[in-house]
PDB file of N, CA and C in Angstrom:
ATOM      1  N   MET A   1       0.807  -1.194   0.000  1.00  0.00           N
ATOM      2  CA  MET A   1       0.000   0.000   0.000  1.00  0.00           C
ATOM      3  C   MET A   1       0.851   1.259   0.000  1.00  0.00           C
ATOM      4  N   ASP A   2       2.136   1.145   0.223  1.00  0.00           N
ATOM      5  CA  ASP A   2       2.986   2.327   0.214  1.00  0.00           C
ATOM      6  C   ASP A   2       3.059   2.945  -1.171  1.00  0.00           C
ATOM      7  N   SER A   3       3.062   2.114  -2.203  1.00  0.00           N
ATOM      8  CA  SER A   3       3.129   2.654  -3.556  1.00  0.00           C
ATOM      9  C   SER A   3       1.837   3.380  -3.911  1.00  0.00           C
ATOM     10  N   LEU A   4       0.684   2.884  -3.428  1.00  0.00           N
ATOM     11  CA  LEU A   4      -0.581   3.541  -3.677  1.00  0.00           C
ATOM     12  C   LEU A   4      -0.630   4.906  -3.006  1.00  0.00           C
ATOM     13  N   SER A   5      -0.171   4.996  -1.776  1.00  0.00           N
ATOM     14  CA  SER A   5      -0.169   6.286  -1.088  1.00  0.00           C
ATOM     15  C   SER A   5       0.850   7.236  -1.711  1.00  0.00           C
ATOM     16  N   ALA A   6       1.938   6.700  -2.246  1.00  0.00           N
ATOM     17  CA  ALA A   6       2.915   7.546  -2.933  1.00  0.00           C
ATOM     18  C   ALA A   6       2.322   8.128  -4.209  1.00  0.00           C
ATOM     19  N   LEU A   7       1.570   7.324  -4.948  1.00  0.00           N
ATOM     20  CA  LEU A   7       0.917   7.825  -6.160  1.00  0.00           C
ATOM     21  C   LEU A   7      -0.145   8.862  -5.824  1.00  0.00           C
ATOM     22  N   GLN A   8      -0.894   8.632  -4.752  1.00  0.00           N
ATOM     23  CA  GLN A   8      -1.912   9.594  -4.352  1.00  0.00           C
ATOM     24  C   GLN A   8      -1.292  10.899  -3.883  1.00  0.00           C
ATOM     25  N   SER A   9      -0.128  10.856  -3.272  1.00  0.00           N
ATOM     26  CA  SER A   9       0.539  12.083  -2.853  1.00  0.00           C
ATOM     27  C   SER A   9       1.022  12.888  -4.054  1.00  0.00           C
ATOM     28  N   LEU A  10       1.235  12.218  -5.182  1.00  0.00           N
ATOM     29  CA  LEU A  10       1.614  12.905  -6.420  1.00  0.00           C
ATOM     30  C   LEU A  10       0.412  13.435  -7.189  1.00  0.00           C
ATOM     31  N   GLY A  11      -0.798  13.147  -6.688  1.00  0.00           N
ATOM     32  CA  GLY A  11      -2.006  13.621  -7.345  1.00  0.00           C
ATOM     33  C   GLY A  11      -2.591  12.631  -8.336  1.00  0.00           C
ATOM     34  N   LEU A  12      -2.071  11.413  -8.378  1.00  0.00           N
ATOM     35  CA  LEU A  12      -2.584  10.399  -9.284  1.00  0.00           C
ATOM     36  C   LEU A  12      -3.590   9.521  -8.549  1.00  0.00           C
ATOM     37  N   THR A  13      -4.724   9.279  -9.180  1.00  0.00           N
ATOM     38  CA  THR A  13      -5.733   8.414  -8.581  1.00  0.00           C
ATOM     39  C   THR A  13      -6.116   7.316  -9.570  1.00  0.00           C
ATOM     40  N   LEU A  14      -6.568   6.215  -9.044  1.00  0.00           N
ATOM     41  CA  LEU A  14      -7.015   5.116  -9.885  1.00  0.00           C
ATOM     42  C   LEU A  14      -8.431   5.397 -10.380  1.00  0.00           C
ATOM     43  N   PRO A  15      -8.751   4.976 -11.598  1.00  0.00           N
ATOM     44  CA  PRO A  15     -10.109   5.198 -12.091  1.00  0.00           C
ATOM     45  C   PRO A  15     -11.110   4.300 -11.363  1.00  0.00           C
ATOM     46  N   SER A  16     -12.354   4.751 -11.339  1.00  0.00           N
ATOM     47  CA  SER A  16     -13.403   3.977 -10.677  1.00  0.00           C
ATOM     48  C   SER A  16     -13.775   2.760 -11.525  1.00  0.00           C
ATOM     49  N   PRO A  17     -14.401   1.769 -10.914  1.00  0.00           N
ATOM     50  CA  PRO A  17     -14.853   0.603 -11.692  1.00  0.00           C
ATOM     51  C   PRO A  17     -15.847   0.979 -12.798  1.00  0.00           C
ATOM     52  N   ALA A  18     -16.682   1.989 -12.559  1.00  0.00           N
ATOM     53  CA  ALA A  18     -17.627   2.439 -13.592  1.00  0.00           C
ATOM     54  C   ALA A  18     -16.884   3.018 -14.788  1.00  0.00           C
ATOM     55  N   TYR A  19     -15.804   3.740 -14.537  1.00  0.00           N
ATOM     56  CA  TYR A  19     -15.007   4.310 -15.621  1.00  0.00           C
ATOM     57  C   TYR A  19     -14.338   3.199 -16.426  1.00  0.00           C
ATOM     58  N   LEU A  20     -13.767   2.220 -15.728  1.00  0.00           N
ATOM     59  CA  LEU A  20     -13.103   1.108 -16.416  1.00  0.00           C
ATOM     60  C   LEU A  20     -14.089   0.304 -17.259  1.00  0.00           C
ATOM     61  N   ALA A  21     -15.283   0.064 -16.715  1.00  0.00           N
ATOM     62  CA  ALA A  21     -16.303  -0.680 -17.461  1.00  0.00           C
ATOM     63  C   ALA A  21     -16.737   0.096 -18.702  1.00  0.00           C
ATOM     64  N   GLY A  22     -16.916   1.409 -18.570  1.00  0.00           N
ATOM     65  CA  GLY A  22     -17.300   2.228 -19.720  1.00  0.00           C
ATOM     66  C   GLY A  22     -16.211   2.283 -20.773  1.00  0.00           C
ATOM     67  N   ALA A  23     -14.971   2.418 -20.345  1.00  0.00           N
ATOM     68  CA  ALA A  23     -13.866   2.452 -21.298  1.00  0.00           C
ATOM     69  C   ALA A  23     -13.757   1.135 -22.057  1.00  0.00           C
ATOM     70  N   LEU A  24     -13.944   0.035 -21.354  1.00  0.00           N
ATOM     71  CA  LEU A  24     -13.904  -1.280 -21.997  1.00  0.00           C
ATOM     72  C   LEU A  24     -15.079  -1.452 -22.956  1.00  0.00           C
ATOM     73  N   LEU A  25     -16.269  -1.078 -22.527  1.00  0.00           N
ATOM     74  CA  LEU A  25     -17.459  -1.206 -23.356  1.00  0.00           C
ATOM     75  C   LEU A  25     -17.332  -0.397 -24.642  1.00  0.00           C
ATOM     76  N   PHE A  26     -16.996   0.875 -24.516  1.00  0.00           N
ATOM     77  CA  PHE A  26     -16.902   1.725 -25.698  1.00  0.00           C
ATOM     78  C   PHE A  26     -15.706   1.351 -26.567  1.00  0.00           C
ATOM     79  N   GLY A  27     -14.648   0.854 -25.963  1.00  0.00           N
ATOM     80  CA  GLY A  27     -13.511   0.377 -26.746  1.00  0.00           C
ATOM     81  C   GLY A  27     -13.865  -0.830 -27.596  1.00  0.00           C
ATOM     82  N   LEU A  28     -14.641  -1.758 -27.033  1.00  0.00           N
ATOM     83  CA  LEU A  28     -15.074  -2.933 -27.799  1.00  0.00           C
ATOM     84  C   LEU A  28     -16.046  -2.555 -28.911  1.00  0.00           C
ATOM     85  N   ILE A  29     -16.961  -1.639 -28.620  1.00  0.00           N
ATOM     86  CA  ILE A  29     -17.877  -1.156 -29.664  1.00  0.00           C
ATOM     87  C   ILE A  29     -17.081  -0.468 -30.765  1.00  0.00           C
ATOM     88  N   GLY A  30     -16.086   0.317 -30.377  1.00  0.00           N
ATOM     89  CA  GLY A  30     -15.255   0.999 -31.358  1.00  0.00           C
ATOM     90  C   GLY A  30     -14.461   0.032 -32.212  1.00  0.00           C
ATOM     91  N   MET A  31     -13.946  -1.033 -31.609  1.00  0.00           N
ATOM     92  CA  MET A  31     -13.191  -2.015 -32.380  1.00  0.00           C
ATOM     93  C   MET A  31     -14.097  -2.717 -33.393  1.00  0.00           C
ATOM     94  N   ALA A  32     -15.300  -3.064 -32.978  1.00  0.00           N
ATOM     95  CA  ALA A  32     -16.248  -3.701 -33.897  1.00  0.00           C
ATOM     96  C   ALA A  32     -16.629  -2.752 -35.028  1.00  0.00           C
ATOM     97  N   ALA A  33     -16.837  -1.476 -34.699  1.00  0.00           N
ATOM     98  CA  ALA A  33     -17.188  -0.500 -35.727  1.00  0.00           C
ATOM     99  C   ALA A  33     -16.022  -0.283 -36.689  1.00  0.00           C
ATOM    100  N   TRP A  34     -14.826  -0.245 -36.173  1.00  0.00           N
ATOM    101  CA  TRP A  34     -13.654  -0.052 -37.044  1.00  0.00           C
ATOM    102  C   TRP A  34     -13.506  -1.232 -38.007  1.00  0.00           C
ATOM    103  N   TRP A  35     -13.657  -2.450 -37.489  1.00  0.00           N
ATOM    104  CA  TRP A  35     -13.571  -3.626 -38.352  1.00  0.00           C
ATOM    105  C   TRP A  35     -14.663  -3.618 -39.414  1.00  0.00           C
ATOM    106  N   ARG A  36     -15.876  -3.258 -39.013  1.00  0.00           N
ATOM    107  CA  ARG A  36     -16.974  -3.214 -39.988  1.00  0.00           C
ATOM    108  C   ARG A  36     -16.750  -2.130 -41.032  1.00  0.00           C
ATOM    109  N   GLY A  37     -16.270  -0.972 -40.593  1.00  0.00           N
ATOM    110  CA  GLY A  37     -15.985   0.098 -41.541  1.00  0.00           C
ATOM    111  C   GLY A  37     -14.878  -0.273 -42.507  1.00  0.00           C
ATOM    112  N   LYS A  38     -13.912  -0.998 -42.023  1.00  0.00           N
ATOM    113  CA  LYS A  38     -12.817  -1.440 -42.886  1.00  0.00           C
ATOM    114  C   LYS A  38     -13.316  -2.472 -43.893  1.00  0.00           C
ATOM    115  N   LYS A  39     -14.154  -3.385 -43.431  1.00  0.00           N
ATOM    116  CA  LYS A  39     -14.662  -4.451 -44.296  1.00  0.00           C
ATOM    117  C   LYS A  39     -15.592  -3.908 -45.381  1.00  0.00           C
ATOM    118  N   THR A  40     -16.439  -2.954 -45.021  1.00  0.00           N
ATOM    119  CA  THR A  40     -17.434  -2.423 -45.958  1.00  0.00           C
ATOM    120  C   THR A  40     -16.979  -1.143 -46.650  1.00  0.00           C
ATOM    121  N   GLN A  41     -15.753  -0.715 -46.387  1.00  0.00           N
ATOM    122  CA  GLN A  41     -15.186   0.498 -46.998  1.00  0.00           C
ATOM    123  C   GLN A  41     -15.996   1.752 -46.655  1.00  0.00           C
ATOM    124  N   GLN A  42     -16.482   1.839 -45.427  1.00  0.00           N
ATOM    125  CA  GLN A  42     -17.211   3.015 -44.960  1.00  0.00           C
ATOM    126  C   GLN A  42     -16.278   3.847 -44.085  1.00  0.00           C
ATOM    127  N   ARG A  43     -15.832   4.960 -44.623  1.00  0.00           N
ATOM    128  CA  ARG A  43     -14.862   5.790 -43.908  1.00  0.00           C
ATOM    129  C   ARG A  43     -15.428   6.350 -42.612  1.00  0.00           C
ATOM    130  N   ARG A  44     -16.697   6.787 -42.625  1.00  0.00           N
ATOM    131  CA  ARG A  44     -17.288   7.398 -41.427  1.00  0.00           C
ATOM    132  C   ARG A  44     -17.350   6.384 -40.278  1.00  0.00           C
ATOM    133  N   THR A  45     -17.772   5.162 -40.583  1.00  0.00           N
ATOM    134  CA  THR A  45     -17.849   4.124 -39.553  1.00  0.00           C
ATOM    135  C   THR A  45     -16.465   3.803 -39.010  1.00  0.00           C
ATOM    136  N   ARG A  46     -15.480   3.761 -39.894  1.00  0.00           N
ATOM    137  CA  ARG A  46     -14.114   3.460 -39.456  1.00  0.00           C
ATOM    138  C   ARG A  46     -13.578   4.561 -38.547  1.00  0.00           C
ATOM    139  N   TRP A  47     -13.816   5.828 -38.893  1.00  0.00           N
ATOM    140  CA  TRP A  47     -13.311   6.928 -38.066  1.00  0.00           C
ATOM    141  C   TRP A  47     -14.047   7.031 -36.734  1.00  0.00           C
ATOM    142  N   LEU A  48     -15.352   6.787 -36.752  1.00  0.00           N
ATOM    143  CA  LEU A  48     -16.086   6.798 -35.483  1.00  0.00           C
ATOM    144  C   LEU A  48     -15.641   5.643 -34.588  1.00  0.00           C
ATOM    145  N   GLY A  49     -15.349   4.503 -35.183  1.00  0.00           N
ATOM    146  CA  GLY A  49     -14.828   3.372 -34.404  1.00  0.00           C
ATOM    147  C   GLY A  49     -13.484   3.701 -33.784  1.00  0.00           C
ATOM    148  N   LEU A  50     -12.629   4.349 -34.543  1.00  0.00           N
ATOM    149  CA  LEU A  50     -11.326   4.754 -34.016  1.00  0.00           C
ATOM    150  C   LEU A  50     -11.491   5.760 -32.881  1.00  0.00           C
ATOM    151  N   ALA A  51     -12.416   6.694 -33.053  1.00  0.00           N
ATOM    152  CA  ALA A  51     -12.677   7.675 -31.993  1.00  0.00           C
ATOM    153  C   ALA A  51     -13.187   6.991 -30.728  1.00  0.00           C
ATOM    154  N   LEU A  52     -14.067   6.001 -30.889  1.00  0.00           N
ATOM    155  CA  LEU A  52     -14.579   5.275 -29.721  1.00  0.00           C
ATOM    156  C   LEU A  52     -13.474   4.512 -29.003  1.00  0.00           C
ATOM    157  N   MET A  53     -12.500   4.029 -29.749  1.00  0.00           N
ATOM    158  CA  MET A  53     -11.411   3.293 -29.104  1.00  0.00           C
ATOM    159  C   MET A  53     -10.445   4.220 -28.366  1.00  0.00           C
ATOM    160  N   LEU A  54     -10.242   5.434 -28.864  1.00  0.00           N
ATOM    161  CA  LEU A  54      -9.183   6.282 -28.329  1.00  0.00           C
ATOM    162  C   LEU A  54      -9.630   7.371 -27.356  1.00  0.00           C
ATOM    163  N   TYR A  55     -10.881   7.805 -27.415  1.00  0.00           N
ATOM    164  CA  TYR A  55     -11.260   8.951 -26.587  1.00  0.00           C
ATOM    165  C   TYR A  55     -11.187   8.688 -25.080  1.00  0.00           C
ATOM    166  N   PRO A  56     -11.330   7.457 -24.573  1.00  0.00           N
ATOM    167  CA  PRO A  56     -11.215   7.289 -23.116  1.00  0.00           C
ATOM    168  C   PRO A  56      -9.849   7.684 -22.553  1.00  0.00           C
ATOM    169  N   TYR A  57      -8.838   7.768 -23.397  1.00  0.00           N
ATOM    170  CA  TYR A  57      -7.513   8.163 -22.922  1.00  0.00           C
ATOM    171  C   TYR A  57      -7.430   9.660 -22.609  1.00  0.00           C
ATOM    172  N   VAL A  58      -8.355  10.457 -23.132  1.00  0.00           N
ATOM    173  CA  VAL A  58      -8.284  11.906 -22.905  1.00  0.00           C
ATOM    174  C   VAL A  58      -9.448  12.449 -22.074  1.00  0.00           C
ATOM    175  N   VAL A  59     -10.406  11.609 -21.718  1.00  0.00           N
ATOM    176  CA  VAL A  59     -11.562  12.053 -20.936  1.00  0.00           C
ATOM    177  C   VAL A  59     -11.379  11.605 -19.493  1.00  0.00           C
ATOM    178  N   PRO A  60     -11.221  12.540 -18.552  1.00  0.00           N
ATOM    179  CA  PRO A  60     -10.929  12.149 -17.173  1.00  0.00           C
ATOM    180  C   PRO A  60     -12.156  11.830 -16.311  1.00  0.00           C
ATOM    181  N   GLN A  61     -13.325  12.411 -16.598  1.00  0.00           N
ATOM    182  CA  GLN A  61     -14.493  12.203 -15.740  1.00  0.00           C
ATOM    183  C   GLN A  61     -15.370  11.071 -16.280  1.00  0.00           C
ATOM    184  N   THR A  62     -15.961  10.321 -15.353  1.00  0.00           N
ATOM    185  CA  THR A  62     -16.800   9.188 -15.729  1.00  0.00           C
ATOM    186  C   THR A  62     -18.055   9.640 -16.459  1.00  0.00           C
ATOM    187  N   TRP A  63     -18.710  10.681 -15.986  1.00  0.00           N
ATOM    188  CA  TRP A  63     -19.934  11.143 -16.637  1.00  0.00           C
ATOM    189  C   TRP A  63     -19.658  11.619 -18.050  1.00  0.00           C
ATOM    190  N   LEU A  64     -18.508  12.240 -18.259  1.00  0.00           N
ATOM    191  CA  LEU A  64     -18.153  12.715 -19.592  1.00  0.00           C
ATOM    192  C   LEU A  64     -17.805  11.544 -20.515  1.00  0.00           C
ATOM    193  N   LEU A  65     -17.212  10.506 -19.949  1.00  0.00           N
ATOM    194  CA  LEU A  65     -16.909   9.301 -20.721  1.00  0.00           C
ATOM    195  C   LEU A  65     -18.193   8.705 -21.297  1.00  0.00           C
ATOM    196  N   TYR A  66     -19.220   8.573 -20.466  1.00  0.00           N
ATOM    197  CA  TYR A  66     -20.480   8.000 -20.925  1.00  0.00           C
ATOM    198  C   TYR A  66     -21.222   8.943 -21.874  1.00  0.00           C
ATOM    199  N   LEU A  67     -21.135  10.239 -21.649  1.00  0.00           N
ATOM    200  CA  LEU A  67     -21.807  11.201 -22.525  1.00  0.00           C
ATOM    201  C   LEU A  67     -21.197  11.194 -23.929  1.00  0.00           C
ATOM    202  N   VAL A  68     -19.886  11.266 -24.020  1.00  0.00           N
ATOM    203  CA  VAL A  68     -19.209  11.262 -25.318  1.00  0.00           C
ATOM    204  C   VAL A  68     -19.379   9.905 -25.994  1.00  0.00           C
ATOM    205  N   GLY A  69     -19.273   8.824 -25.227  1.00  0.00           N
ATOM    206  CA  GLY A  69     -19.451   7.496 -25.796  1.00  0.00           C
ATOM    207  C   GLY A  69     -20.845   7.302 -26.364  1.00  0.00           C
ATOM    208  N   ALA A  70     -21.842   7.764 -25.650  1.00  0.00           N
ATOM    209  CA  ALA A  70     -23.226   7.650 -26.150  1.00  0.00           C
ATOM    210  C   ALA A  70     -23.405   8.481 -27.416  1.00  0.00           C
ATOM    211  N   ALA A  71     -22.824   9.679 -27.448  1.00  0.00           N
ATOM    212  CA  ALA A  71     -22.933  10.523 -28.645  1.00  0.00           C
ATOM    213  C   ALA A  71     -22.261   9.877 -29.851  1.00  0.00           C
ATOM    214  N   LEU A  72     -21.096   9.288 -29.649  1.00  0.00           N
ATOM    215  CA  LEU A  72     -20.420   8.608 -30.753  1.00  0.00           C
ATOM    216  C   LEU A  72     -21.190   7.379 -31.201  1.00  0.00           C
ATOM    217  N   CYS A  73     -21.802   6.658 -30.275  1.00  0.00           N
ATOM    218  CA  CYS A  73     -22.627   5.502 -30.649  1.00  0.00           C
ATOM    219  C   CYS A  73     -23.860   5.925 -31.429  1.00  0.00           C
ATOM    220  N   VAL A  74     -24.464   7.046 -31.054  1.00  0.00           N
ATOM    221  CA  VAL A  74     -25.589   7.574 -31.825  1.00  0.00           C
ATOM    222  C   VAL A  74     -25.129   7.938 -33.229  1.00  0.00           C
ATOM    223  N   GLY A  75     -23.928   8.511 -33.347  1.00  0.00           N
ATOM    224  CA  GLY A  75     -23.375   8.804 -34.662  1.00  0.00           C
ATOM    225  C   GLY A  75     -23.192   7.549 -35.495  1.00  0.00           C
ATOM    226  N   LEU A  76     -22.775   6.475 -34.869  1.00  0.00           N
ATOM    227  CA  LEU A  76     -22.661   5.203 -35.584  1.00  0.00           C
ATOM    228  C   LEU A  76     -24.031   4.697 -36.018  1.00  0.00           C
ATOM    229  N   TRP A  77     -25.002   4.806 -35.133  1.00  0.00           N
ATOM    230  CA  TRP A  77     -26.345   4.305 -35.419  1.00  0.00           C
ATOM    231  C   TRP A  77     -26.977   5.065 -36.576  1.00  0.00           C
ATOM    232  N   LEU A  78     -26.789   6.381 -36.599  1.00  0.00           N
ATOM    233  CA  LEU A  78     -27.387   7.206 -37.646  1.00  0.00           C
ATOM    234  C   LEU A  78     -26.631   7.138 -38.968  1.00  0.00           C
ATOM    235  N   GLY A  79     -25.366   6.749 -38.897  1.00  0.00           N
ATOM    236  CA  GLY A  79     -24.532   6.732 -40.103  1.00  0.00           C
ATOM    237  C   GLY A  79     -24.651   5.526 -40.855  1.00  0.00           C
TER     238      GLY A  79
END
């Protein structure tokens, strides 16, 4: 536990289980969309899939992760 307290003293915190589950969920949806876009030659689907896979690395809040992920999924659904 000393390493955990050392990381917390540096201002680093571990993500919540809800954040990890959302990142995994949207990453898997993004991977499936990217593969489908590649197979069917649909550029929009491929780029939205790539965005779904990568955006969790830059979104720090859990609520924002789910909001952006839902918006990108709606973009996939409508496209």
